[in-house]
N, C-alpha and C. Protein backbone atom coordinates (compact mmCIF):
# COMPACT_ATOMS: atom_id res chain seq x y z
N MET A 1 110.26 36.90 156.51
CA MET A 1 110.42 35.46 156.52
C MET A 1 111.16 35.03 155.25
N ASN A 2 112.25 34.30 155.39
CA ASN A 2 113.02 33.82 154.25
C ASN A 2 112.57 32.42 153.87
N THR A 3 112.05 32.30 152.69
CA THR A 3 111.69 30.99 152.18
C THR A 3 112.67 30.62 151.08
N HIS A 4 112.64 29.36 150.71
CA HIS A 4 113.52 28.90 149.64
C HIS A 4 113.29 29.73 148.37
N ALA A 5 112.03 30.03 148.06
CA ALA A 5 111.71 30.80 146.86
C ALA A 5 112.33 32.20 146.92
N ASN A 6 112.36 32.79 148.10
CA ASN A 6 112.94 34.13 148.23
C ASN A 6 114.45 34.11 148.06
N LEU A 7 115.08 32.98 148.33
CA LEU A 7 116.53 32.89 148.24
C LEU A 7 117.02 32.64 146.81
N ARG A 8 116.14 32.14 145.96
CA ARG A 8 116.51 31.88 144.57
C ARG A 8 116.73 33.19 143.82
N LYS A 9 117.62 33.14 142.85
CA LYS A 9 117.78 34.30 141.97
C LYS A 9 116.51 34.46 141.15
N ARG A 10 116.10 35.70 140.97
CA ARG A 10 114.92 35.96 140.16
C ARG A 10 115.30 35.83 138.69
N THR A 11 114.53 35.08 137.96
CA THR A 11 114.75 34.88 136.53
C THR A 11 114.06 36.00 135.75
N LEU A 12 114.75 36.54 134.77
CA LEU A 12 114.15 37.58 133.94
C LEU A 12 113.04 36.99 133.09
N ARG A 13 111.92 37.68 133.05
CA ARG A 13 110.79 37.29 132.20
C ARG A 13 110.82 38.15 130.95
N ILE A 14 110.79 37.50 129.80
CA ILE A 14 110.84 38.25 128.55
C ILE A 14 109.75 37.77 127.58
N VAL A 15 109.34 38.68 126.74
CA VAL A 15 108.52 38.38 125.57
C VAL A 15 109.33 38.87 124.39
N VAL A 16 109.49 38.02 123.40
CA VAL A 16 110.38 38.31 122.28
C VAL A 16 109.57 38.42 120.99
N ASP A 17 109.70 39.56 120.35
CA ASP A 17 109.03 39.80 119.07
C ASP A 17 109.60 38.82 118.03
N THR A 18 108.77 38.43 117.11
CA THR A 18 109.13 37.43 116.10
C THR A 18 110.39 37.80 115.34
N CYS A 19 110.55 39.06 115.02
CA CYS A 19 111.70 39.50 114.22
C CYS A 19 113.03 39.17 114.92
N VAL A 20 113.04 39.16 116.24
CA VAL A 20 114.27 38.87 116.97
C VAL A 20 114.66 37.41 116.74
N PHE A 21 113.70 36.50 116.85
CA PHE A 21 114.01 35.10 116.61
C PHE A 21 114.34 34.85 115.14
N LYS A 22 113.72 35.59 114.23
CA LYS A 22 114.08 35.47 112.81
C LYS A 22 115.54 35.88 112.61
N LEU A 23 115.95 36.98 113.23
CA LEU A 23 117.34 37.44 113.13
C LEU A 23 118.30 36.45 113.79
N ALA A 24 117.84 35.72 114.78
CA ALA A 24 118.68 34.73 115.47
C ALA A 24 119.08 33.59 114.54
N THR A 25 118.34 33.41 113.46
CA THR A 25 118.65 32.31 112.54
C THR A 25 119.78 32.65 111.57
N PHE A 26 120.22 33.92 111.57
CA PHE A 26 121.31 34.33 110.68
C PHE A 26 122.63 34.16 111.42
N PRO A 27 123.57 33.41 110.83
CA PRO A 27 124.84 33.17 111.52
C PRO A 27 125.69 34.44 111.63
N SER A 28 126.20 34.66 112.82
CA SER A 28 127.11 35.77 113.09
C SER A 28 127.67 35.58 114.48
N SER A 29 128.93 35.89 114.66
CA SER A 29 129.56 35.68 115.97
C SER A 29 129.13 36.71 117.00
N ASP A 30 128.59 37.84 116.54
CA ASP A 30 128.17 38.88 117.50
C ASP A 30 126.70 39.25 117.31
N ASN A 31 125.86 38.26 117.12
CA ASN A 31 124.44 38.46 116.87
C ASN A 31 123.69 38.49 118.21
N PRO A 32 123.25 39.66 118.68
CA PRO A 32 122.55 39.71 119.96
C PRO A 32 121.25 38.91 119.95
N SER A 33 120.59 38.83 118.81
CA SER A 33 119.36 38.04 118.73
C SER A 33 119.65 36.56 118.97
N ALA A 34 120.76 36.07 118.42
CA ALA A 34 121.15 34.67 118.64
C ALA A 34 121.49 34.43 120.11
N LEU A 35 122.11 35.41 120.76
CA LEU A 35 122.40 35.26 122.20
C LEU A 35 121.11 35.18 123.01
N ILE A 36 120.12 35.98 122.66
CA ILE A 36 118.82 35.95 123.35
C ILE A 36 118.17 34.59 123.14
N ALA A 37 118.20 34.09 121.92
CA ALA A 37 117.63 32.76 121.64
C ALA A 37 118.34 31.69 122.47
N GLU A 38 119.65 31.79 122.57
CA GLU A 38 120.42 30.80 123.34
C GLU A 38 120.07 30.88 124.83
N LEU A 39 119.91 32.08 125.36
CA LEU A 39 119.48 32.22 126.76
C LEU A 39 118.12 31.57 126.98
N ALA A 40 117.23 31.75 126.03
CA ALA A 40 115.90 31.14 126.13
C ALA A 40 115.99 29.62 126.03
N LEU A 41 116.74 29.14 125.05
CA LEU A 41 116.84 27.69 124.84
C LEU A 41 117.47 26.98 126.04
N ARG A 42 118.35 27.64 126.73
CA ARG A 42 119.01 27.03 127.90
C ARG A 42 118.24 27.29 129.20
N GLY A 43 117.08 27.94 129.09
CA GLY A 43 116.26 28.19 130.27
C GLY A 43 116.86 29.20 131.23
N MET A 44 117.71 30.06 130.72
CA MET A 44 118.36 31.06 131.57
C MET A 44 117.51 32.32 131.73
N VAL A 45 116.48 32.45 130.91
CA VAL A 45 115.45 33.48 131.04
C VAL A 45 114.12 32.78 130.84
N GLU A 46 113.05 33.36 131.38
CA GLU A 46 111.70 32.85 131.13
C GLU A 46 111.18 33.52 129.87
N SER A 47 110.88 32.74 128.86
CA SER A 47 110.36 33.27 127.60
C SER A 47 108.87 32.95 127.51
N TRP A 48 108.07 33.99 127.38
CA TRP A 48 106.62 33.85 127.39
C TRP A 48 106.01 34.10 126.02
N VAL A 49 104.97 33.35 125.72
CA VAL A 49 104.22 33.49 124.48
C VAL A 49 102.74 33.34 124.78
N SER A 50 101.95 33.74 123.83
CA SER A 50 100.50 33.49 123.85
C SER A 50 100.19 32.67 122.60
N PRO A 51 98.98 32.11 122.50
CA PRO A 51 98.65 31.37 121.27
C PRO A 51 98.80 32.22 120.00
N ALA A 52 98.45 33.50 120.07
CA ALA A 52 98.58 34.36 118.89
C ALA A 52 100.05 34.54 118.51
N ILE A 53 100.92 34.66 119.49
CA ILE A 53 102.36 34.78 119.22
C ILE A 53 102.89 33.48 118.63
N LEU A 54 102.46 32.36 119.17
CA LEU A 54 102.89 31.07 118.63
C LEU A 54 102.50 30.93 117.16
N ASP A 55 101.30 31.39 116.82
CA ASP A 55 100.87 31.35 115.41
C ASP A 55 101.81 32.18 114.53
N GLU A 56 102.17 33.36 115.00
CA GLU A 56 103.07 34.21 114.21
C GLU A 56 104.46 33.59 114.10
N TYR A 57 104.99 33.07 115.21
CA TYR A 57 106.28 32.39 115.16
C TYR A 57 106.25 31.25 114.14
N SER A 58 105.16 30.47 114.16
CA SER A 58 105.06 29.33 113.24
C SER A 58 105.09 29.76 111.78
N ARG A 59 104.42 30.87 111.48
CA ARG A 59 104.43 31.37 110.09
C ARG A 59 105.80 31.90 109.70
N VAL A 60 106.39 32.74 110.54
CA VAL A 60 107.63 33.42 110.19
C VAL A 60 108.84 32.49 110.23
N LEU A 61 108.83 31.54 111.15
CA LEU A 61 109.98 30.64 111.31
C LEU A 61 109.77 29.29 110.62
N SER A 62 108.84 29.22 109.69
CA SER A 62 108.53 27.95 109.03
C SER A 62 109.72 27.41 108.22
N GLN A 63 110.63 28.29 107.81
CA GLN A 63 111.79 27.85 107.04
C GLN A 63 112.88 27.24 107.92
N THR A 64 112.72 27.37 109.23
CA THR A 64 113.69 26.79 110.19
C THR A 64 112.93 25.96 111.22
N PRO A 65 112.32 24.85 110.78
CA PRO A 65 111.46 24.07 111.67
C PRO A 65 112.19 23.49 112.89
N GLU A 66 113.47 23.16 112.75
CA GLU A 66 114.20 22.60 113.90
C GLU A 66 114.37 23.66 114.99
N PHE A 67 114.71 24.87 114.57
CA PHE A 67 114.87 25.98 115.51
C PHE A 67 113.55 26.27 116.21
N LEU A 68 112.47 26.33 115.44
CA LEU A 68 111.14 26.57 116.01
C LEU A 68 110.79 25.48 117.00
N ALA A 69 111.04 24.24 116.66
CA ALA A 69 110.73 23.12 117.56
C ALA A 69 111.50 23.23 118.87
N GLU A 70 112.76 23.63 118.79
CA GLU A 70 113.56 23.82 120.02
C GLU A 70 112.95 24.91 120.89
N LEU A 71 112.55 26.00 120.27
CA LEU A 71 111.96 27.11 121.03
C LEU A 71 110.64 26.70 121.68
N LEU A 72 109.83 25.96 120.95
CA LEU A 72 108.52 25.58 121.47
C LEU A 72 108.62 24.82 122.79
N VAL A 73 109.70 24.09 122.98
CA VAL A 73 109.88 23.30 124.20
C VAL A 73 110.09 24.19 125.41
N VAL A 74 110.72 25.35 125.24
CA VAL A 74 111.09 26.17 126.39
C VAL A 74 110.12 27.30 126.70
N PHE A 75 109.19 27.59 125.82
CA PHE A 75 108.26 28.69 126.06
C PHE A 75 107.29 28.38 127.18
N GLU A 76 106.99 29.41 127.95
CA GLU A 76 105.87 29.39 128.89
C GLU A 76 104.71 30.04 128.15
N THR A 77 103.51 29.49 128.29
CA THR A 77 102.37 30.02 127.55
C THR A 77 101.39 30.71 128.49
N CYS A 78 100.96 31.89 128.08
CA CYS A 78 99.92 32.60 128.82
C CYS A 78 98.73 32.82 127.90
N TYR A 79 97.61 33.11 128.52
CA TYR A 79 96.38 33.33 127.78
C TYR A 79 95.81 34.68 128.19
N PRO A 80 96.29 35.77 127.57
CA PRO A 80 95.83 37.11 127.99
C PRO A 80 94.32 37.25 127.86
N ILE A 81 93.73 37.88 128.85
CA ILE A 81 92.27 38.09 128.82
C ILE A 81 91.92 39.51 128.39
N THR A 82 92.92 40.36 128.29
CA THR A 82 92.71 41.74 127.88
C THR A 82 93.21 41.93 126.45
N THR A 83 92.36 42.51 125.63
CA THR A 83 92.75 42.85 124.26
C THR A 83 93.16 44.31 124.24
N LEU A 84 94.35 44.56 123.74
CA LEU A 84 94.87 45.93 123.70
C LEU A 84 94.82 46.50 122.29
N ASN A 85 94.76 47.81 122.24
CA ASN A 85 94.88 48.54 120.99
C ASN A 85 95.71 49.79 121.27
N VAL A 86 96.94 49.59 121.73
CA VAL A 86 97.81 50.70 122.12
C VAL A 86 98.94 50.93 121.12
N ILE A 87 99.09 50.02 120.17
CA ILE A 87 100.16 50.12 119.18
C ILE A 87 99.51 50.16 117.81
N ARG A 88 99.91 51.13 117.02
CA ARG A 88 99.27 51.33 115.73
C ARG A 88 99.38 50.11 114.82
N HIS A 89 100.56 49.47 114.79
CA HIS A 89 100.72 48.24 114.01
C HIS A 89 100.02 47.12 114.81
N GLU A 90 98.81 46.83 114.44
CA GLU A 90 97.91 46.00 115.25
C GLU A 90 98.50 44.68 115.73
N PRO A 91 99.21 43.90 114.90
CA PRO A 91 99.75 42.63 115.39
C PRO A 91 100.70 42.78 116.59
N ASP A 92 101.35 43.93 116.71
CA ASP A 92 102.26 44.14 117.84
C ASP A 92 101.52 44.17 119.17
N ASN A 93 100.23 44.45 119.14
CA ASN A 93 99.44 44.44 120.37
C ASN A 93 99.42 43.07 121.05
N ARG A 94 99.55 41.99 120.27
CA ARG A 94 99.56 40.64 120.88
C ARG A 94 100.78 40.47 121.79
N PHE A 95 101.91 41.04 121.40
CA PHE A 95 103.12 40.96 122.23
C PHE A 95 102.95 41.80 123.49
N ALA A 96 102.35 42.97 123.33
CA ALA A 96 102.09 43.83 124.49
C ALA A 96 101.13 43.14 125.46
N GLU A 97 100.08 42.52 124.93
CA GLU A 97 99.12 41.81 125.79
C GLU A 97 99.80 40.72 126.61
N CYS A 98 100.65 39.94 125.95
CA CYS A 98 101.35 38.86 126.63
C CYS A 98 102.30 39.41 127.69
N ALA A 99 103.08 40.43 127.32
CA ALA A 99 104.05 41.01 128.26
C ALA A 99 103.36 41.55 129.51
N LEU A 100 102.25 42.23 129.33
CA LEU A 100 101.53 42.77 130.48
C LEU A 100 100.88 41.66 131.30
N ALA A 101 100.36 40.64 130.64
CA ALA A 101 99.68 39.55 131.34
C ALA A 101 100.62 38.79 132.27
N VAL A 102 101.87 38.63 131.85
CA VAL A 102 102.81 37.84 132.66
C VAL A 102 103.71 38.70 133.54
N GLY A 103 103.55 40.01 133.45
CA GLY A 103 104.44 40.89 134.21
C GLY A 103 105.87 40.78 133.75
N ALA A 104 106.05 40.75 132.43
CA ALA A 104 107.40 40.61 131.86
C ALA A 104 108.28 41.78 132.28
N ASP A 105 109.54 41.49 132.40
CA ASP A 105 110.52 42.54 132.66
C ASP A 105 110.83 43.30 131.38
N PHE A 106 110.89 42.54 130.27
CA PHE A 106 111.30 43.14 129.00
C PHE A 106 110.49 42.57 127.85
N LEU A 107 110.21 43.44 126.89
CA LEU A 107 109.70 43.04 125.59
C LEU A 107 110.84 43.39 124.63
N VAL A 108 111.37 42.38 123.96
CA VAL A 108 112.54 42.57 123.10
C VAL A 108 112.08 42.60 121.64
N THR A 109 112.45 43.68 120.95
CA THR A 109 112.03 43.86 119.56
C THR A 109 113.03 44.71 118.81
N VAL A 110 113.03 44.58 117.50
CA VAL A 110 113.79 45.51 116.65
C VAL A 110 112.84 46.54 116.04
N ASN A 111 111.55 46.33 116.21
CA ASN A 111 110.54 47.21 115.62
C ASN A 111 110.26 48.40 116.53
N THR A 112 111.19 49.35 116.53
CA THR A 112 111.03 50.53 117.38
C THR A 112 110.64 51.78 116.57
N ALA A 113 110.29 51.58 115.31
CA ALA A 113 109.87 52.70 114.47
C ALA A 113 108.49 53.20 114.88
N ARG A 114 108.18 54.39 114.48
CA ARG A 114 106.88 54.98 114.79
C ARG A 114 105.75 54.04 114.35
N GLY A 115 104.81 53.85 115.24
CA GLY A 115 103.68 52.98 114.96
C GLY A 115 103.88 51.55 115.42
N HIS A 116 105.09 51.23 115.82
CA HIS A 116 105.39 49.91 116.36
C HIS A 116 105.66 50.09 117.86
N PHE A 117 106.76 49.58 118.34
CA PHE A 117 107.12 49.74 119.75
C PHE A 117 107.99 50.98 119.88
N ASP A 118 107.37 52.15 119.74
CA ASP A 118 108.11 53.41 119.69
C ASP A 118 108.17 54.12 121.04
N ARG A 119 107.96 53.38 122.11
CA ARG A 119 108.14 53.93 123.45
C ARG A 119 109.06 53.02 124.24
N LYS A 120 109.59 53.50 125.32
CA LYS A 120 110.57 52.73 126.10
C LYS A 120 109.91 51.85 127.15
N ARG A 121 108.64 52.10 127.46
CA ARG A 121 107.94 51.32 128.48
C ARG A 121 106.48 51.14 128.08
N LEU A 122 105.95 50.06 128.57
CA LEU A 122 104.52 49.80 128.50
C LEU A 122 104.15 49.39 129.91
N ASP A 123 103.64 50.32 130.68
CA ASP A 123 103.48 50.16 132.13
C ASP A 123 104.84 49.81 132.73
N GLU A 124 104.96 48.66 133.37
CA GLU A 124 106.22 48.27 134.00
C GLU A 124 107.15 47.49 133.08
N VAL A 125 106.71 47.19 131.88
CA VAL A 125 107.50 46.40 130.93
C VAL A 125 108.41 47.34 130.15
N ARG A 126 109.72 47.07 130.20
CA ARG A 126 110.67 47.86 129.41
C ARG A 126 110.75 47.29 128.00
N ILE A 127 110.73 48.16 127.03
CA ILE A 127 110.84 47.76 125.62
C ILE A 127 112.26 48.06 125.19
N VAL A 128 112.98 47.01 124.75
CA VAL A 128 114.39 47.14 124.40
C VAL A 128 114.67 46.40 123.09
N THR A 129 115.73 46.84 122.43
CA THR A 129 116.22 46.13 121.25
C THR A 129 117.09 44.97 121.72
N PRO A 130 117.39 44.02 120.84
CA PRO A 130 118.30 42.93 121.23
C PRO A 130 119.65 43.45 121.74
N GLY A 131 120.21 44.45 121.07
CA GLY A 131 121.49 45.01 121.51
C GLY A 131 121.40 45.63 122.89
N GLU A 132 120.31 46.34 123.16
CA GLU A 132 120.12 46.92 124.49
C GLU A 132 119.97 45.82 125.54
N PHE A 133 119.22 44.78 125.20
CA PHE A 133 118.98 43.69 126.16
C PHE A 133 120.28 43.02 126.57
N VAL A 134 121.11 42.65 125.60
CA VAL A 134 122.34 41.94 125.95
C VAL A 134 123.35 42.84 126.66
N SER A 135 123.15 44.15 126.60
CA SER A 135 124.04 45.08 127.29
C SER A 135 123.59 45.40 128.72
N LEU A 136 122.41 44.93 129.11
CA LEU A 136 121.89 45.24 130.45
C LEU A 136 122.74 44.59 131.54
N PRO A 137 122.98 45.30 132.63
CA PRO A 137 123.74 44.72 133.75
C PRO A 137 123.14 43.41 134.26
N ALA A 138 121.84 43.27 134.24
CA ALA A 138 121.20 42.03 134.71
C ALA A 138 121.44 40.86 133.76
N VAL A 139 121.75 41.14 132.51
CA VAL A 139 121.95 40.10 131.50
C VAL A 139 123.42 39.70 131.37
N GLN A 140 124.32 40.60 131.69
CA GLN A 140 125.75 40.33 131.54
C GLN A 140 126.21 39.06 132.27
N PRO A 141 125.80 38.82 133.53
CA PRO A 141 126.22 37.58 134.18
C PRO A 141 125.68 36.33 133.49
N LEU A 142 124.49 36.43 132.91
CA LEU A 142 123.91 35.30 132.18
C LEU A 142 124.74 34.99 130.94
N LEU A 143 125.17 36.04 130.25
CA LEU A 143 125.99 35.84 129.06
C LEU A 143 127.36 35.27 129.42
N ALA A 144 127.90 35.71 130.54
CA ALA A 144 129.19 35.16 131.00
C ALA A 144 129.04 33.68 131.32
N GLU A 145 127.94 33.32 131.98
CA GLU A 145 127.67 31.91 132.29
C GLU A 145 127.48 31.12 131.00
N LEU A 146 126.78 31.69 130.05
CA LEU A 146 126.55 31.03 128.77
C LEU A 146 127.87 30.77 128.05
N ALA A 147 128.79 31.70 128.13
CA ALA A 147 130.09 31.55 127.47
C ALA A 147 130.91 30.41 128.08
N HIS A 148 130.65 30.09 129.34
CA HIS A 148 131.42 29.04 130.02
C HIS A 148 130.75 27.66 129.94
N ARG A 149 129.59 27.59 129.32
CA ARG A 149 128.89 26.31 129.21
C ARG A 149 129.37 25.53 128.03
């Protein structure tokens, strides 16, 4: 049965580690983190957070309150009921909890060192760097559309 919802393009669901949005605040013409932020701000991807993630964003992005305020408007909020301890760097577990709770397609981070997000998947959630994310075939049409806006 074809419903209107089935005919719509599926929007990518992402959870973005704080460091990616921090990097997005640095000016550069080829900054993949800034491209991810722009996709989120324009509602071209679903960006998910939890209250714990919002707290971390607020602390880390306090020097760029306008940018933080713009992001806060577009975030979808979830309230994970499962507490994880699968990542040695304990605060990173909050991002994993959120990604799993919402069935995110991607968790985007630069923290891929041992003890952080040092695996490529967390169940069905792919863990990618900003550069990997913007290079994905599913993201390329979004970036092309963004360039024409």
